[in-house]
Amino acid sequence: MNAQEIEVLRNGTLSYHARLVYTLSLEPSCSLQEGKVIPDYSHIINDLAYYIKDNNGVFHNSVNLLYQDINNFILELMRASLLALPQGAIDEGYYDGKELILPLKGKTLMSDSGKIFKMYADWQPASNYAYLARLSGLGEISFSALDLNNYISYWIGQNVARNNHQWTLGFIHFLKRTKKL
């Protein structure tokens, strides 16, 4: 899950169940290549179910959700821009078995995985460098031109190709190693 998705999930506008539908069911089943998902309401209901044992030792499903409830959670996620219809699709108002897009996931897929390339002299870390550096536990996220040039000069000589997200994470790990010295 990327920072944009987490921000929307934490901003307080979504119901508890809508957040669960997204995090437990839709986001994990998303096609990473295209940012697409096909909701299956019966599976979503099972994903949200938890069971309580009664005094006789029998387990009972404690969540009694209807397909209409799941549809309302899907609509809530659409209003929050976590889900969308594919371009050109007709909105029939019911989404069980219909292809949907996770638009924020798609943005990350495009920017993070993007094109694979070999290191080049003018390379710069990704725009989310500061976020990734803090997330990776880098104490001091600022870096000098010398730090960047040392990283670039090493990797220009190697026969390695990565996407920009991978290069940025590699640079963060490089900084973690060199700043410990």
C-alpha atoms as a PDB file:
ATOM      1  CA  MET A   1       0.000   0.000   0.000  1.00  0.00           C
ATOM      2  CA  ASN A   2       1.398   3.400  -0.879  1.00  0.00           C
ATOM      3  CA  ALA A   3       1.448   6.673   1.062  1.00  0.00           C
ATOM      4  CA  GLN A   4      -1.458   8.180  -0.888  1.00  0.00           C
ATOM      5  CA  GLU A   5      -3.699   5.210  -0.107  1.00  0.00           C
ATOM      6  CA  ILE A   6      -2.738   5.283   3.568  1.00  0.00           C
ATOM      7  CA  GLU A   7      -3.425   9.030   3.762  1.00  0.00           C
ATOM      8  CA  VAL A   8      -6.959   8.579   2.397  1.00  0.00           C
ATOM      9  CA  LEU A   9      -7.606   5.604   4.690  1.00  0.00           C
ATOM     10  CA  ARG A  10      -6.457   7.577   7.750  1.00  0.00           C
ATOM     11  CA  ASN A  11      -8.108  10.942   7.027  1.00  0.00           C
ATOM     12  CA  GLY A  12     -11.253  10.052   8.990  1.00  0.00           C
ATOM     13  CA  THR A  13     -13.819  10.275   6.187  1.00  0.00           C
ATOM     14  CA  LEU A  14     -14.263   6.536   5.595  1.00  0.00           C
ATOM     15  CA  SER A  15     -16.274   4.168   7.744  1.00  0.00           C
ATOM     16  CA  TYR A  16     -14.503   1.364   9.576  1.00  0.00           C
ATOM     17  CA  HIS A  17     -16.058  -1.284   7.314  1.00  0.00           C
ATOM     18  CA  ALA A  18     -15.134   0.570   4.099  1.00  0.00           C
ATOM     19  CA  ARG A  19     -11.503   0.705   5.280  1.00  0.00           C
ATOM     20  CA  LEU A  20     -11.628  -3.020   6.046  1.00  0.00           C
ATOM     21  CA  VAL A  21     -13.075  -3.822   2.614  1.00  0.00           C
ATOM     22  CA  TYR A  22     -10.211  -1.930   1.000  1.00  0.00           C
ATOM     23  CA  THR A  23      -7.344  -3.196   3.154  1.00  0.00           C
ATOM     24  CA  LEU A  24      -8.426  -6.804   3.690  1.00  0.00           C
ATOM     25  CA  SER A  25     -10.062  -7.629   0.403  1.00  0.00           C
ATOM     26  CA  LEU A  26      -9.656  -5.230  -2.514  1.00  0.00           C
ATOM     27  CA  GLU A  27      -6.088  -3.946  -2.194  1.00  0.00           C
ATOM     28  CA  PRO A  28      -4.506  -7.394  -1.596  1.00  0.00           C
ATOM     29  CA  SER A  29      -6.312  -8.871  -4.619  1.00  0.00           C
ATOM     30  CA  CYS A  30      -5.381  -5.974  -6.899  1.00  0.00           C
ATOM     31  CA  SER A  31      -3.601  -6.839 -10.130  1.00  0.00           C
ATOM     32  CA  LEU A  32      -0.210  -5.220  -9.563  1.00  0.00           C
ATOM     33  CA  GLN A  33       0.420  -4.859 -13.270  1.00  0.00           C
ATOM     34  CA  GLU A  34      -2.661  -2.772 -13.993  1.00  0.00           C
ATOM     35  CA  GLY A  35      -4.096  -1.632 -10.653  1.00  0.00           C
ATOM     36  CA  LYS A  36      -7.357  -3.499 -11.341  1.00  0.00           C
ATOM     37  CA  VAL A  37      -9.597  -5.565  -9.091  1.00  0.00           C
ATOM     38  CA  ILE A  38     -12.832  -7.505  -9.517  1.00  0.00           C
ATOM     39  CA  PRO A  39     -14.815  -7.440  -6.265  1.00  0.00           C
ATOM     40  CA  ASP A  40     -16.482 -10.674  -5.218  1.00  0.00           C
ATOM     41  CA  TYR A  41     -19.026  -9.730  -2.574  1.00  0.00           C
ATOM     42  CA  SER A  42     -19.239 -13.226  -1.060  1.00  0.00           C
ATOM     43  CA  HIS A  43     -15.450 -13.281  -0.591  1.00  0.00           C
ATOM     44  CA  ILE A  44     -15.500  -9.775   0.863  1.00  0.00           C
ATOM     45  CA  ILE A  45     -18.136 -10.838   3.401  1.00  0.00           C
ATOM     46  CA  ASN A  46     -15.947 -13.822   4.347  1.00  0.00           C
ATOM     47  CA  ASP A  47     -12.892 -11.549   4.621  1.00  0.00           C
ATOM     48  CA  LEU A  48     -14.757  -9.349   7.107  1.00  0.00           C
ATOM     49  CA  ALA A  49     -16.241 -12.189   9.129  1.00  0.00           C
ATOM     50  CA  TYR A  50     -14.986 -13.158  12.507  1.00  0.00           C
ATOM     51  CA  TYR A  51     -16.365 -15.971  14.569  1.00  0.00           C
ATOM     52  CA  ILE A  52     -17.373 -16.128  18.223  1.00  0.00           C
ATOM     53  CA  LYS A  53     -17.651 -19.357  20.149  1.00  0.00           C
ATOM     54  CA  ASP A  54     -20.883 -19.716  22.127  1.00  0.00           C
ATOM     55  CA  ASN A  55     -21.301 -21.508  25.477  1.00  0.00           C
ATOM     56  CA  ASN A  56     -21.845 -24.817  23.645  1.00  0.00           C
ATOM     57  CA  GLY A  57     -18.555 -24.541  21.742  1.00  0.00           C
ATOM     58  CA  VAL A  58     -20.251 -23.723  18.447  1.00  0.00           C
ATOM     59  CA  PHE A  59     -18.767 -20.925  16.329  1.00  0.00           C
ATOM     60  CA  HIS A  60     -21.094 -18.281  14.898  1.00  0.00           C
ATOM     61  CA  ASN A  61     -20.374 -15.652  12.268  1.00  0.00           C
ATOM     62  CA  SER A  62     -20.601 -12.351  14.105  1.00  0.00           C
ATOM     63  CA  VAL A  63     -20.807 -10.134  11.034  1.00  0.00           C
ATOM     64  CA  ASN A  64     -24.127 -10.161   9.228  1.00  0.00           C
ATOM     65  CA  LEU A  65     -23.470  -8.087   6.133  1.00  0.00           C
ATOM     66  CA  LEU A  66     -25.623  -8.091   3.030  1.00  0.00           C
ATOM     67  CA  TYR A  67     -24.464  -7.609  -0.550  1.00  0.00           C
ATOM     68  CA  GLN A  68     -26.096  -4.164  -0.439  1.00  0.00           C
ATOM     69  CA  ASP A  69     -23.868  -3.276   2.547  1.00  0.00           C
ATOM     70  CA  ILE A  70     -20.769  -4.253   0.568  1.00  0.00           C
ATOM     71  CA  ASN A  71     -22.023  -2.236  -2.388  1.00  0.00           C
ATOM     72  CA  ASN A  72     -22.418   0.802  -0.109  1.00  0.00           C
ATOM     73  CA  PHE A  73     -18.835   0.370   1.130  1.00  0.00           C
ATOM     74  CA  ILE A  74     -17.655   0.184  -2.495  1.00  0.00           C
ATOM     75  CA  LEU A  75     -19.534   3.425  -3.240  1.00  0.00           C
ATOM     76  CA  GLU A  76     -17.928   5.024  -0.194  1.00  0.00           C
ATOM     77  CA  LEU A  77     -14.469   3.996  -1.469  1.00  0.00           C
ATOM     78  CA  MET A  78     -15.327   5.423  -4.894  1.00  0.00           C
ATOM     79  CA  ARG A  79     -16.324   8.777  -3.356  1.00  0.00           C
ATOM     80  CA  ALA A  80     -12.944   8.798  -1.567  1.00  0.00           C
ATOM     81  CA  SER A  81     -11.151   8.123  -4.905  1.00  0.00           C
ATOM     82  CA  LEU A  82      -9.747   4.791  -3.738  1.00  0.00           C
ATOM     83  CA  LEU A  83     -11.828   2.965  -6.370  1.00  0.00           C
ATOM     84  CA  ALA A  84     -13.027   3.974  -9.816  1.00  0.00           C
ATOM     85  CA  LEU A  85     -14.694   2.524 -12.861  1.00  0.00           C
ATOM     86  CA  PRO A  86     -12.448   1.862 -15.849  1.00  0.00           C
ATOM     87  CA  GLN A  87     -12.614   4.543 -18.509  1.00  0.00           C
ATOM     88  CA  GLY A  88     -15.640   4.024 -20.739  1.00  0.00           C
ATOM     89  CA  ALA A  89     -17.374   1.630 -18.334  1.00  0.00           C
ATOM     90  CA  ILE A  90     -21.071   2.159 -17.677  1.00  0.00           C
ATOM     91  CA  ASP A  91     -21.935   2.695 -14.020  1.00  0.00           C
ATOM     92  CA  GLU A  92     -24.740   0.259 -13.268  1.00  0.00           C
ATOM     93  CA  GLY A  93     -24.607   1.058  -9.547  1.00  0.00           C
ATOM     94  CA  TYR A  94     -23.728  -2.503  -8.541  1.00  0.00           C
ATOM     95  CA  TYR A  95     -20.133  -3.729  -8.584  1.00  0.00           C
ATOM     96  CA  ASP A  96     -20.082  -7.431  -7.668  1.00  0.00           C
ATOM     97  CA  GLY A  97     -17.968  -9.138 -10.357  1.00  0.00           C
ATOM     98  CA  LYS A  98     -17.312  -5.857 -12.205  1.00  0.00           C
ATOM     99  CA  GLU A  99     -13.813  -4.648 -12.966  1.00  0.00           C
ATOM    100  CA  LEU A 100     -12.752  -1.632 -10.911  1.00  0.00           C
ATOM    101  CA  ILE A 101      -9.530   0.360 -10.772  1.00  0.00           C
ATOM    102  CA  LEU A 102      -7.534   1.408  -7.737  1.00  0.00           C
ATOM    103  CA  PRO A 103      -6.490   4.830  -9.103  1.00  0.00           C
ATOM    104  CA  LEU A 104      -4.016   5.667  -6.350  1.00  0.00           C
ATOM    105  CA  LYS A 105      -2.367   2.277  -6.788  1.00  0.00           C
ATOM    106  CA  GLY A 106      -2.076   2.937 -10.516  1.00  0.00           C
ATOM    107  CA  LYS A 107      -0.257   6.228  -9.925  1.00  0.00           C
ATOM    108  CA  THR A 108       2.270   4.467  -7.762  1.00  0.00           C
ATOM    109  CA  LEU A 109       2.682   1.645 -10.219  1.00  0.00           C
ATOM    110  CA  MET A 110       3.484   4.113 -12.955  1.00  0.00           C
ATOM    111  CA  SER A 111       5.882   6.208 -10.924  1.00  0.00           C
ATOM    112  CA  ASP A 112       7.500   3.501  -8.819  1.00  0.00           C
ATOM    113  CA  SER A 113       7.934   0.678 -11.257  1.00  0.00           C
ATOM    114  CA  GLY A 114       8.131   2.744 -14.428  1.00  0.00           C
ATOM    115  CA  LYS A 115      10.861   2.027 -16.891  1.00  0.00           C
ATOM    116  CA  ILE A 116      13.924  -0.002 -16.057  1.00  0.00           C
ATOM    117  CA  PHE A 117      17.169   1.792 -16.861  1.00  0.00           C
ATOM    118  CA  LYS A 118      20.889   1.731 -16.181  1.00  0.00           C
ATOM    119  CA  MET A 119      22.325   4.415 -13.929  1.00  0.00           C
ATOM    120  CA  TYR A 120      23.205   7.696 -15.669  1.00  0.00           C
ATOM    121  CA  ALA A 121      25.162  10.804 -14.649  1.00  0.00           C
ATOM    122  CA  ASP A 122      22.181  13.145 -14.029  1.00  0.00           C
ATOM    123  CA  TRP A 123      20.093  10.674 -12.032  1.00  0.00           C
ATOM    124  CA  GLN A 124      18.099  12.036  -9.071  1.00  0.00           C
ATOM    125  CA  PRO A 125      16.232  10.091  -6.367  1.00  0.00           C
ATOM    126  CA  ALA A 126      12.466   9.739  -6.758  1.00  0.00           C
ATOM    127  CA  SER A 127      10.215  12.580  -5.621  1.00  0.00           C
ATOM    128  CA  ASN A 128       9.111  10.508  -2.615  1.00  0.00           C
ATOM    129  CA  TYR A 129      12.736  10.116  -1.432  1.00  0.00           C
ATOM    130  CA  ALA A 130      12.157  11.870   1.922  1.00  0.00           C
ATOM    131  CA  TYR A 131       9.166   9.661   2.719  1.00  0.00           C
ATOM    132  CA  LEU A 132      11.036   6.475   1.760  1.00  0.00           C
ATOM    133  CA  ALA A 133      14.130   7.559   3.698  1.00  0.00           C
ATOM    134  CA  ARG A 134      12.130   8.140   6.891  1.00  0.00           C
ATOM    135  CA  LEU A 135      10.229   4.892   6.362  1.00  0.00           C
ATOM    136  CA  SER A 136      13.568   3.059   5.965  1.00  0.00           C
ATOM    137  CA  GLY A 137      14.863   4.491   9.225  1.00  0.00           C
ATOM    138  CA  LEU A 138      17.466   6.852   7.777  1.00  0.00           C
ATOM    139  CA  GLY A 139      18.193   9.271  10.625  1.00  0.00           C
ATOM    140  CA  GLU A 140      19.418  12.229   8.569  1.00  0.00           C
ATOM    141  CA  ILE A 141      17.602  12.371   5.230  1.00  0.00           C
ATOM    142  CA  SER A 142      19.626  15.212   3.733  1.00  0.00           C
ATOM    143  CA  PHE A 143      22.519  14.240   1.478  1.00  0.00           C
ATOM    144  CA  SER A 144      25.351  16.055  -0.226  1.00  0.00           C
ATOM    145  CA  ALA A 145      26.208  16.245  -3.904  1.00  0.00           C
ATOM    146  CA  LEU A 146      29.267  14.139  -3.041  1.00  0.00           C
ATOM    147  CA  ASP A 147      27.041  11.391  -1.574  1.00  0.00           C
ATOM    148  CA  LEU A 148      24.921  11.354  -4.724  1.00  0.00           C
ATOM    149  CA  ASN A 149      27.950  11.458  -7.048  1.00  0.00           C
ATOM    150  CA  ASN A 150      29.637   8.565  -5.202  1.00  0.00           C
ATOM    151  CA  TYR A 151      26.510   6.449  -5.589  1.00  0.00           C
ATOM    152  CA  ILE A 152      26.053   7.346  -9.261  1.00  0.00           C
ATOM    153  CA  SER A 153      29.728   6.866 -10.168  1.00  0.00           C
ATOM    154  CA  TYR A 154      29.763   3.380  -8.629  1.00  0.00           C
ATOM    155  CA  TRP A 155      26.586   2.238 -10.397  1.00  0.00           C
ATOM    156  CA  ILE A 156      27.390   3.779 -13.788  1.00  0.00           C
ATOM    157  CA  GLY A 157      30.225   1.270 -14.043  1.00  0.00           C
ATOM    158  CA  GLN A 158      27.996  -1.709 -13.277  1.00  0.00           C
ATOM    159  CA  ASN A 159      25.889  -3.593 -15.796  1.00  0.00           C
ATOM    160  CA  VAL A 160      22.699  -3.272 -13.701  1.00  0.00           C
ATOM    161  CA  ALA A 161      19.268  -1.940 -14.664  1.00  0.00           C
ATOM    162  CA  ARG A 162      16.551  -1.022 -12.162  1.00  0.00           C
ATOM    163  CA  ASN A 163      13.492   1.188 -11.983  1.00  0.00           C
ATOM    164  CA  ASN A 164      13.674   4.575 -10.255  1.00  0.00           C
ATOM    165  CA  HIS A 165      12.041   3.303  -7.065  1.00  0.00           C
ATOM    166  CA  GLN A 166      14.682   0.561  -6.763  1.00  0.00           C
ATOM    167  CA  TRP A 167      17.507   3.022  -7.475  1.00  0.00           C
ATOM    168  CA  THR A 168      16.122   5.358  -4.797  1.00  0.00           C
ATOM    169  CA  LEU A 169      15.917   2.569  -2.206  1.00  0.00           C
ATOM    170  CA  GLY A 170      19.468   1.542  -3.108  1.00  0.00           C
ATOM    171  CA  PHE A 171      20.628   5.112  -2.574  1.00  0.00           C
ATOM    172  CA  ILE A 172      18.930   5.195   0.837  1.00  0.00           C
ATOM    173  CA  HIS A 173      20.703   1.961   1.834  1.00  0.00           C
ATOM    174  CA  PHE A 174      23.980   3.411   0.557  1.00  0.00           C
ATOM    175  CA  LEU A 175      23.450   6.477   2.771  1.00  0.00           C
ATOM    176  CA  LYS A 176      22.601   4.303   5.776  1.00  0.00           C
ATOM    177  CA  ARG A 177      25.867   2.374   5.330  1.00  0.00           C
ATOM    178  CA  THR A 178      28.100   5.406   4.715  1.00  0.00           C
ATOM    179  CA  LYS A 179      26.619   7.569   7.483  1.00  0.00           C
ATOM    180  CA  LYS A 180      27.315   4.856  10.054  1.00  0.00           C
ATOM    181  CA  LEU A 181      31.039   5.063   9.335  1.00  0.00           C
END
